[in-house]
Amino acid sequence: VKHFGPSTPDLLLPPSDELPINGPNGKGRPLNRPALG
């Protein structure tokens, strides 16, 4: 997240009703693997 986040806006999965902005456990949203790929 530190390296790729600033240049990859969609690096993390978007928040939704099922996925809070800070992730399900408060540690962050999962990586958006297609975007990283």
ModelCIF file with pLDDT and N, C-alpha, C, O atoms, coordinates in Angstrom:
data_MODEL
#
_entry.id   MODEL 
#
_entity.id                         1 
_entity.type                       polymer 
_entity.pdbx_number_of_molecules   1 
#
_entity_poly.entity_id                      1 
_entity_poly.type                           'polypeptide(L)' 
_entity_poly.nstd_linkage                   no 
_entity_poly.nstd_monomer                   no 
_entity_poly.pdbx_seq_one_letter_code       VKHFGPSTPDLLLPPSDELPINGPNGKGRPLNRPALG 
_entity_poly.pdbx_seq_one_letter_code_can   VKHFGPSTPDLLLPPSDELPINGPNGKGRPLNRPALG 
_entity_poly.pdbx_strand_id                 A 
#
loop_
_entity_poly_seq.entity_id 
_entity_poly_seq.num 
_entity_poly_seq.mon_id 
_entity_poly_seq.hetero 
1 1  VAL n 
1 2  LYS n 
1 3  HIS n 
1 4  PHE n 
1 5  GLY n 
1 6  PRO n 
1 7  SER n 
1 8  THR n 
1 9  PRO n 
1 10 ASP n 
1 11 LEU n 
1 12 LEU n 
1 13 LEU n 
1 14 PRO n 
1 15 PRO n 
1 16 SER n 
1 17 ASP n 
1 18 GLU n 
1 19 LEU n 
1 20 PRO n 
1 21 ILE n 
1 22 ASN n 
1 23 GLY n 
1 24 PRO n 
1 25 ASN n 
1 26 GLY n 
1 27 LYS n 
1 28 GLY n 
1 29 ARG n 
1 30 PRO n 
1 31 LEU n 
1 32 ASN n 
1 33 ARG n 
1 34 PRO n 
1 35 ALA n 
1 36 LEU n 
1 37 GLY n 
#
_struct_asym.id          A 
_struct_asym.entity_id   1 
#
loop_
_ma_qa_metric.id 
_ma_qa_metric.mode 
_ma_qa_metric.name 
_ma_qa_metric.software_group_id 
_ma_qa_metric.type 
1 global pLDDT . pLDDT 
2 local  pLDDT . pLDDT 
#
_ma_qa_metric_global.metric_id      1 
_ma_qa_metric_global.metric_value   94.35 
_ma_qa_metric_global.model_id       1 
_ma_qa_metric_global.ordinal_id     1 
#
loop_
_ma_qa_metric_local.label_asym_id 
_ma_qa_metric_local.label_comp_id 
_ma_qa_metric_local.label_seq_id 
_ma_qa_metric_local.metric_id 
_ma_qa_metric_local.metric_value 
_ma_qa_metric_local.model_id 
_ma_qa_metric_local.ordinal_id 
A VAL 1  2 97.00 1 1  
A LYS 2  2 96.00 1 2  
A HIS 3  2 96.00 1 3  
A PHE 4  2 96.00 1 4  
A GLY 5  2 95.00 1 5  
A PRO 6  2 95.00 1 6  
A SER 7  2 93.00 1 7  
A THR 8  2 95.00 1 8  
A PRO 9  2 95.00 1 9  
A ASP 10 2 95.00 1 10 
A LEU 11 2 96.00 1 11 
A LEU 12 2 96.00 1 12 
A LEU 13 2 95.00 1 13 
A PRO 14 2 95.00 1 14 
A PRO 15 2 94.00 1 15 
A SER 16 2 94.00 1 16 
A ASP 17 2 92.00 1 17 
A GLU 18 2 92.00 1 18 
A LEU 19 2 94.00 1 19 
A PRO 20 2 93.00 1 20 
A ILE 21 2 93.00 1 21 
A ASN 22 2 93.00 1 22 
A GLY 23 2 93.00 1 23 
A PRO 24 2 90.00 1 24 
A ASN 25 2 91.00 1 25 
A GLY 26 2 93.00 1 26 
A LYS 27 2 95.00 1 27 
A GLY 28 2 95.00 1 28 
A ARG 29 2 96.00 1 29 
A PRO 30 2 96.00 1 30 
A LEU 31 2 97.00 1 31 
A ASN 32 2 96.00 1 32 
A ARG 33 2 94.00 1 33 
A PRO 34 2 93.00 1 34 
A ALA 35 2 95.00 1 35 
A LEU 36 2 95.00 1 36 
A GLY 37 2 92.00 1 37 
#
loop_
_atom_site.group_PDB 
_atom_site.id 
_atom_site.type_symbol 
_atom_site.label_atom_id 
_atom_site.label_alt_id 
_atom_site.label_comp_id 
_atom_site.label_asym_id 
_atom_site.label_entity_id 
_atom_site.label_seq_id 
_atom_site.pdbx_PDB_ins_code 
_atom_site.Cartn_x 
_atom_site.Cartn_y 
_atom_site.Cartn_z 
_atom_site.occupancy 
_atom_site.B_iso_or_equiv 
_atom_site.pdbx_formal_charge 
_atom_site.auth_seq_id 
_atom_site.auth_comp_id 
_atom_site.auth_asym_id 
_atom_site.auth_atom_id 
_atom_site.pdbx_PDB_model_num 
ATOM 1   N N  . VAL A 1 1  ? 0.829   -1.206 0.000   1.00 97.00 ? 1  VAL A N  1 
ATOM 2   C CA . VAL A 1 1  ? 0.000   0.000  0.000   1.00 97.00 ? 1  VAL A CA 1 
ATOM 3   C C  . VAL A 1 1  ? 0.865   1.258  0.000   1.00 97.00 ? 1  VAL A C  1 
ATOM 4   O O  . VAL A 1 1  ? 0.551   2.236  -0.679  1.00 97.00 ? 1  VAL A O  1 
ATOM 5   N N  . LYS A 1 2  ? 1.943   1.227  0.758   1.00 96.00 ? 2  LYS A N  1 
ATOM 6   C CA . LYS A 1 2  ? 2.833   2.397  0.830   1.00 96.00 ? 2  LYS A CA 1 
ATOM 7   C C  . LYS A 1 2  ? 3.483   2.688  -0.515  1.00 96.00 ? 2  LYS A C  1 
ATOM 8   O O  . LYS A 1 2  ? 3.599   3.846  -0.916  1.00 96.00 ? 2  LYS A O  1 
ATOM 9   N N  . HIS A 1 3  ? 3.911   1.622  -1.220  1.00 96.00 ? 3  HIS A N  1 
ATOM 10  C CA . HIS A 1 3  ? 4.626   1.840  -2.479  1.00 96.00 ? 3  HIS A CA 1 
ATOM 11  C C  . HIS A 1 3  ? 3.676   2.103  -3.647  1.00 96.00 ? 3  HIS A C  1 
ATOM 12  O O  . HIS A 1 3  ? 3.880   3.040  -4.418  1.00 96.00 ? 3  HIS A O  1 
ATOM 13  N N  . PHE A 1 4  ? 2.633   1.270  -3.778  1.00 96.00 ? 4  PHE A N  1 
ATOM 14  C CA . PHE A 1 4  ? 1.776   1.346  -4.960  1.00 96.00 ? 4  PHE A CA 1 
ATOM 15  C C  . PHE A 1 4  ? 0.554   2.243  -4.761  1.00 96.00 ? 4  PHE A C  1 
ATOM 16  O O  . PHE A 1 4  ? -0.024  2.722  -5.737  1.00 96.00 ? 4  PHE A O  1 
ATOM 17  N N  . GLY A 1 5  ? 0.156   2.474  -3.511  1.00 95.00 ? 5  GLY A N  1 
ATOM 18  C CA . GLY A 1 5  ? -1.058  3.240  -3.246  1.00 95.00 ? 5  GLY A CA 1 
ATOM 19  C C  . GLY A 1 5  ? -1.105  4.614  -3.896  1.00 95.00 ? 5  GLY A C  1 
ATOM 20  O O  . GLY A 1 5  ? -2.101  4.937  -4.544  1.00 95.00 ? 5  GLY A O  1 
ATOM 21  N N  . PRO A 1 6  ? -0.071  5.438  -3.752  1.00 95.00 ? 6  PRO A N  1 
ATOM 22  C CA . PRO A 1 6  ? -0.121  6.795  -4.299  1.00 95.00 ? 6  PRO A CA 1 
ATOM 23  C C  . PRO A 1 6  ? -0.312  6.853  -5.820  1.00 95.00 ? 6  PRO A C  1 
ATOM 24  O O  . PRO A 1 6  ? -0.876  7.818  -6.336  1.00 95.00 ? 6  PRO A O  1 
ATOM 25  N N  . SER A 1 7  ? 0.158   5.821  -6.541  1.00 93.00 ? 7  SER A N  1 
ATOM 26  C CA . SER A 1 7  ? 0.063   5.841  -8.007  1.00 93.00 ? 7  SER A CA 1 
ATOM 27  C C  . SER A 1 7  ? -0.991  4.875  -8.551  1.00 93.00 ? 7  SER A C  1 
ATOM 28  O O  . SER A 1 7  ? -1.141  4.735  -9.765  1.00 93.00 ? 7  SER A O  1 
ATOM 29  N N  . THR A 1 8  ? -1.722  4.208  -7.649  1.00 95.00 ? 8  THR A N  1 
ATOM 30  C CA . THR A 1 8  ? -2.745  3.245  -8.074  1.00 95.00 ? 8  THR A CA 1 
ATOM 31  C C  . THR A 1 8  ? -4.018  3.510  -7.277  1.00 95.00 ? 8  THR A C  1 
ATOM 32  O O  . THR A 1 8  ? -4.219  2.898  -6.228  1.00 95.00 ? 8  THR A O  1 
ATOM 33  N N  . PRO A 1 9  ? -4.879  4.407  -7.748  1.00 95.00 ? 9  PRO A N  1 
ATOM 34  C CA . PRO A 1 9  ? -6.071  4.797  -6.973  1.00 95.00 ? 9  PRO A CA 1 
ATOM 35  C C  . PRO A 1 9  ? -6.992  3.631  -6.634  1.00 95.00 ? 9  PRO A C  1 
ATOM 36  O O  . PRO A 1 9  ? -7.655  3.649  -5.597  1.00 95.00 ? 9  PRO A O  1 
ATOM 37  N N  . ASP A 1 10 ? -7.040  2.609  -7.505  1.00 95.00 ? 10 ASP A N  1 
ATOM 38  C CA . ASP A 1 10 ? -7.939  1.473  -7.273  1.00 95.00 ? 10 ASP A CA 1 
ATOM 39  C C  . ASP A 1 10 ? -7.188  0.265  -6.692  1.00 95.00 ? 10 ASP A C  1 
ATOM 40  O O  . ASP A 1 10 ? -7.602  -0.876 -6.900  1.00 95.00 ? 10 ASP A O  1 
ATOM 41  N N  . LEU A 1 11 ? -6.089  0.510  -5.965  1.00 96.00 ? 11 LEU A N  1 
ATOM 42  C CA . LEU A 1 11 ? -5.285  -0.571 -5.420  1.00 96.00 ? 11 LEU A CA 1 
ATOM 43  C C  . LEU A 1 11 ? -6.068  -1.437 -4.431  1.00 96.00 ? 11 LEU A C  1 
ATOM 44  O O  . LEU A 1 11 ? -5.826  -2.641 -4.339  1.00 96.00 ? 11 LEU A O  1 
ATOM 45  N N  . LEU A 1 12 ? -7.003  -0.837 -3.693  1.00 96.00 ? 12 LEU A N  1 
ATOM 46  C CA . LEU A 1 12 ? -7.814  -1.572 -2.722  1.00 96.00 ? 12 LEU A CA 1 
ATOM 47  C C  . LEU A 1 12 ? -9.225  -1.752 -3.258  1.00 96.00 ? 12 LEU A C  1 
ATOM 48  O O  . LEU A 1 12 ? -9.718  -0.944 -4.045  1.00 96.00 ? 12 LEU A O  1 
ATOM 49  N N  . LEU A 1 13 ? -9.861  -2.822 -2.818  1.00 95.00 ? 13 LEU A N  1 
ATOM 50  C CA . LEU A 1 13 ? -11.251 -3.035 -3.224  1.00 95.00 ? 13 LEU A CA 1 
ATOM 51  C C  . LEU A 1 13 ? -12.103 -1.865 -2.734  1.00 95.00 ? 13 LEU A C  1 
ATOM 52  O O  . LEU A 1 13 ? -11.874 -1.357 -1.637  1.00 95.00 ? 13 LEU A O  1 
ATOM 53  N N  . PRO A 1 14 ? -13.085 -1.429 -3.536  1.00 95.00 ? 14 PRO A N  1 
ATOM 54  C CA . PRO A 1 14 ? -13.896 -0.279 -3.136  1.00 95.00 ? 14 PRO A CA 1 
ATOM 55  C C  . PRO A 1 14 ? -14.787 -0.605 -1.935  1.00 95.00 ? 14 PRO A C  1 
ATOM 56  O O  . PRO A 1 14 ? -15.243 -1.740 -1.793  1.00 95.00 ? 14 PRO A O  1 
ATOM 57  N N  . PRO A 1 15 ? -15.033 0.374  -1.079  1.00 94.00 ? 15 PRO A N  1 
ATOM 58  C CA . PRO A 1 15 ? -15.941 0.137  0.057   1.00 94.00 ? 15 PRO A CA 1 
ATOM 59  C C  . PRO A 1 15 ? -17.366 -0.087 -0.432  1.00 94.00 ? 15 PRO A C  1 
ATOM 60  O O  . PRO A 1 15 ? -17.763 0.411  -1.485  1.00 94.00 ? 15 PRO A O  1 
ATOM 61  N N  . SER A 1 16 ? -18.116 -0.834 0.339   1.00 94.00 ? 16 SER A N  1 
ATOM 62  C CA . SER A 1 16 ? -19.507 -1.126 -0.011  1.00 94.00 ? 16 SER A CA 1 
ATOM 63  C C  . SER A 1 16 ? -20.276 -1.391 1.270   1.00 94.00 ? 16 SER A C  1 
ATOM 64  O O  . SER A 1 16 ? -19.738 -1.246 2.367   1.00 94.00 ? 16 SER A O  1 
ATOM 65  N N  . ASP A 1 17 ? -21.547 -1.784 1.128   1.00 92.00 ? 17 ASP A N  1 
ATOM 66  C CA . ASP A 1 17 ? -22.352 -2.115 2.306   1.00 92.00 ? 17 ASP A CA 1 
ATOM 67  C C  . ASP A 1 17 ? -21.740 -3.299 3.056   1.00 92.00 ? 17 ASP A C  1 
ATOM 68  O O  . ASP A 1 17 ? -21.820 -3.380 4.282   1.00 92.00 ? 17 ASP A O  1 
ATOM 69  N N  . GLU A 1 18 ? -21.122 -4.225 2.295   1.00 92.00 ? 18 GLU A N  1 
ATOM 70  C CA . GLU A 1 18 ? -20.531 -5.406 2.917   1.00 92.00 ? 18 GLU A CA 1 
ATOM 71  C C  . GLU A 1 18 ? -19.072 -5.189 3.326   1.00 92.00 ? 18 GLU A C  1 
ATOM 72  O O  . GLU A 1 18 ? -18.546 -5.918 4.166   1.00 92.00 ? 18 GLU A O  1 
ATOM 73  N N  . LEU A 1 19 ? -18.420 -4.182 2.728   1.00 94.00 ? 19 LEU A N  1 
ATOM 74  C CA . LEU A 1 19 ? -17.004 -3.951 2.988   1.00 94.00 ? 19 LEU A CA 1 
ATOM 75  C C  . LEU A 1 19 ? -16.789 -2.530 3.509   1.00 94.00 ? 19 LEU A C  1 
ATOM 76  O O  . LEU A 1 19 ? -16.797 -1.577 2.730   1.00 94.00 ? 19 LEU A O  1 
ATOM 77  N N  . PRO A 1 20 ? -16.596 -2.382 4.819   1.00 93.00 ? 20 PRO A N  1 
ATOM 78  C CA . PRO A 1 20 ? -16.377 -1.041 5.395   1.00 93.00 ? 20 PRO A CA 1 
ATOM 79  C C  . PRO A 1 20 ? -15.120 -0.392 4.836   1.00 93.00 ? 20 PRO A C  1 
ATOM 80  O O  . PRO A 1 20 ? -14.242 -1.076 4.312   1.00 93.00 ? 20 PRO A O  1 
ATOM 81  N N  . ILE A 1 21 ? -15.037 0.908  4.947   1.00 93.00 ? 21 ILE A N  1 
ATOM 82  C CA . ILE A 1 21 ? -13.916 1.649  4.382   1.00 93.00 ? 21 ILE A CA 1 
ATOM 83  C C  . ILE A 1 21 ? -12.581 1.230  4.990   1.00 93.00 ? 21 ILE A C  1 
ATOM 84  O O  . ILE A 1 21 ? -11.551 1.305  4.320   1.00 93.00 ? 21 ILE A O  1 
ATOM 85  N N  . ASN A 1 22 ? -12.583 0.789  6.255   1.00 93.00 ? 22 ASN A N  1 
ATOM 86  C CA . ASN A 1 22 ? -11.358 0.327  6.913   1.00 93.00 ? 22 ASN A CA 1 
ATOM 87  C C  . ASN A 1 22 ? -11.229 -1.194 6.921   1.00 93.00 ? 22 ASN A C  1 
ATOM 88  O O  . ASN A 1 22 ? -10.401 -1.749 7.643   1.00 93.00 ? 22 ASN A O  1 
ATOM 89  N N  . GLY A 1 23 ? -12.054 -1.863 6.114   1.00 93.00 ? 23 GLY A N  1 
ATOM 90  C CA . GLY A 1 23 ? -11.989 -3.311 6.034   1.00 93.00 ? 23 GLY A CA 1 
ATOM 91  C C  . GLY A 1 23 ? -12.827 -3.989 7.101   1.00 93.00 ? 23 GLY A C  1 
ATOM 92  O O  . GLY A 1 23 ? -13.255 -3.344 8.058   1.00 93.00 ? 23 GLY A O  1 
ATOM 93  N N  . PRO A 1 24 ? -13.065 -5.287 6.945   1.00 90.00 ? 24 PRO A N  1 
ATOM 94  C CA . PRO A 1 24 ? -13.929 -6.014 7.888   1.00 90.00 ? 24 PRO A CA 1 
ATOM 95  C C  . PRO A 1 24 ? -13.366 -6.099 9.297   1.00 90.00 ? 24 PRO A C  1 
ATOM 96  O O  . PRO A 1 24 ? -14.128 -6.233 10.254  1.00 90.00 ? 24 PRO A O  1 
ATOM 97  N N  . ASN A 1 25 ? -12.040 -6.023 9.445   1.00 91.00 ? 25 ASN A N  1 
ATOM 98  C CA . ASN A 1 25 ? -11.438 -6.127 10.781  1.00 91.00 ? 25 ASN A CA 1 
ATOM 99  C C  . ASN A 1 25 ? -10.746 -4.841 11.202  1.00 91.00 ? 25 ASN A C  1 
ATOM 100 O O  . ASN A 1 25 ? -10.021 -4.813 12.196  1.00 91.00 ? 25 ASN A O  1 
ATOM 101 N N  . GLY A 1 26 ? -10.974 -3.769 10.434  1.00 93.00 ? 26 GLY A N  1 
ATOM 102 C CA . GLY A 1 26 ? -10.377 -2.485 10.769  1.00 93.00 ? 26 GLY A CA 1 
ATOM 103 C C  . GLY A 1 26 ? -8.917  -2.337 10.378  1.00 93.00 ? 26 GLY A C  1 
ATOM 104 O O  . GLY A 1 26 ? -8.291  -1.328 10.704  1.00 93.00 ? 26 GLY A O  1 
ATOM 105 N N  . LYS A 1 27 ? -8.360  -3.329 9.682   1.00 95.00 ? 27 LYS A N  1 
ATOM 106 C CA . LYS A 1 27 ? -6.940  -3.294 9.308   1.00 95.00 ? 27 LYS A CA 1 
ATOM 107 C C  . LYS A 1 27 ? -6.718  -2.871 7.858   1.00 95.00 ? 27 LYS A C  1 
ATOM 108 O O  . LYS A 1 27 ? -5.583  -2.842 7.382   1.00 95.00 ? 27 LYS A O  1 
ATOM 109 N N  . GLY A 1 28 ? -7.794  -2.547 7.164   1.00 95.00 ? 28 GLY A N  1 
ATOM 110 C CA . GLY A 1 28 ? -7.675  -2.121 5.777   1.00 95.00 ? 28 GLY A CA 1 
ATOM 111 C C  . GLY A 1 28 ? -8.480  -3.006 4.841   1.00 95.00 ? 28 GLY A C  1 
ATOM 112 O O  . GLY A 1 28 ? -8.772  -4.159 5.157   1.00 95.00 ? 28 GLY A O  1 
ATOM 113 N N  . ARG A 1 29 ? -8.839  -2.452 3.673   1.00 96.00 ? 29 ARG A N  1 
ATOM 114 C CA . ARG A 1 29 ? -9.571  -3.229 2.675   1.00 96.00 ? 29 ARG A CA 1 
ATOM 115 C C  . ARG A 1 29 ? -8.598  -4.123 1.901   1.00 96.00 ? 29 ARG A C  1 
ATOM 116 O O  . ARG A 1 29 ? -7.439  -3.753 1.714   1.00 96.00 ? 29 ARG A O  1 
ATOM 117 N N  . PRO A 1 30 ? -9.052  -5.286 1.454   1.00 96.00 ? 30 PRO A N  1 
ATOM 118 C CA . PRO A 1 30 ? -8.164  -6.195 0.704   1.00 96.00 ? 30 PRO A CA 1 
ATOM 119 C C  . PRO A 1 30 ? -7.643  -5.554 -0.581  1.00 96.00 ? 30 PRO A C  1 
ATOM 120 O O  . PRO A 1 30 ? -8.231  -4.613 -1.114  1.00 96.00 ? 30 PRO A O  1 
ATOM 121 N N  . LEU A 1 31 ? -6.523  -6.092 -1.060  1.00 97.00 ? 31 LEU A N  1 
ATOM 122 C CA . LEU A 1 31 ? -5.940  -5.603 -2.308  1.00 97.00 ? 31 LEU A CA 1 
ATOM 123 C C  . LEU A 1 31 ? -6.846  -5.927 -3.491  1.00 97.00 ? 31 LEU A C  1 
ATOM 124 O O  . LEU A 1 31 ? -7.478  -6.983 -3.537  1.00 97.00 ? 31 LEU A O  1 
ATOM 125 N N  . ASN A 1 32 ? -6.896  -5.016 -4.430  1.00 96.00 ? 32 ASN A N  1 
ATOM 126 C CA . ASN A 1 32 ? -7.589  -5.236 -5.700  1.00 96.00 ? 32 ASN A CA 1 
ATOM 127 C C  . ASN A 1 32 ? -6.577  -5.882 -6.642  1.00 96.00 ? 32 ASN A C  1 
ATOM 128 O O  . ASN A 1 32 ? -5.808  -5.183 -7.302  1.00 96.00 ? 32 ASN A O  1 
ATOM 129 N N  . ARG A 1 33 ? -6.576  -7.192 -6.705  1.00 94.00 ? 33 ARG A N  1 
ATOM 130 C CA . ARG A 1 33 ? -5.514  -7.910 -7.415  1.00 94.00 ? 33 ARG A CA 1 
ATOM 131 C C  . ARG A 1 33 ? -5.447  -7.617 -8.909  1.00 94.00 ? 33 ARG A C  1 
ATOM 132 O O  . ARG A 1 33 ? -4.345  -7.501 -9.445  1.00 94.00 ? 33 ARG A O  1 
ATOM 133 N N  . PRO A 1 34 ? -6.584  -7.491 -9.611  1.00 93.00 ? 34 PRO A N  1 
ATOM 134 C CA . PRO A 1 34 ? -6.480  -7.118 -11.030 1.00 93.00 ? 34 PRO A CA 1 
ATOM 135 C C  . PRO A 1 34 ? -5.795  -5.761 -11.229 1.00 93.00 ? 34 PRO A C  1 
ATOM 136 O O  . PRO A 1 34 ? -5.025  -5.588 -12.173 1.00 93.00 ? 34 PRO A O  1 
ATOM 137 N N  . ALA A 1 35 ? -6.074  -4.801 -10.342 1.00 95.00 ? 35 ALA A N  1 
ATOM 138 C CA . ALA A 1 35 ? -5.445  -3.480 -10.461 1.00 95.00 ? 35 ALA A CA 1 
ATOM 139 C C  . ALA A 1 35 ? -3.937  -3.576 -10.214 1.00 95.00 ? 35 ALA A C  1 
ATOM 140 O O  . ALA A 1 35 ? -3.143  -2.957 -10.922 1.00 95.00 ? 35 ALA A O  1 
ATOM 141 N N  . LEU A 1 36 ? -3.553  -4.358 -9.202  1.00 95.00 ? 36 LEU A N  1 
ATOM 142 C CA . LEU A 1 36 ? -2.129  -4.548 -8.930  1.00 95.00 ? 36 LEU A CA 1 
ATOM 143 C C  . LEU A 1 36 ? -1.462  -5.305 -10.074 1.00 95.00 ? 36 LEU A C  1 
ATOM 144 O O  . LEU A 1 36 ? -0.325  -5.020 -10.449 1.00 95.00 ? 36 LEU A O  1 
ATOM 145 N N  . GLY A 1 37 ? -2.195  -6.279 -10.622 1.00 92.00 ? 37 GLY A N  1 
ATOM 146 C CA . GLY A 1 37 ? -1.659  -7.057 -11.736 1.00 92.00 ? 37 GLY A CA 1 
ATOM 147 C C  . GLY A 1 37 ? -1.342  -6.206 -12.944 1.00 92.00 ? 37 GLY A C  1 
ATOM 148 O O  . GLY A 1 37 ? -0.882  -6.725 -13.961 1.00 92.00 ? 37 GLY A O  1 
#
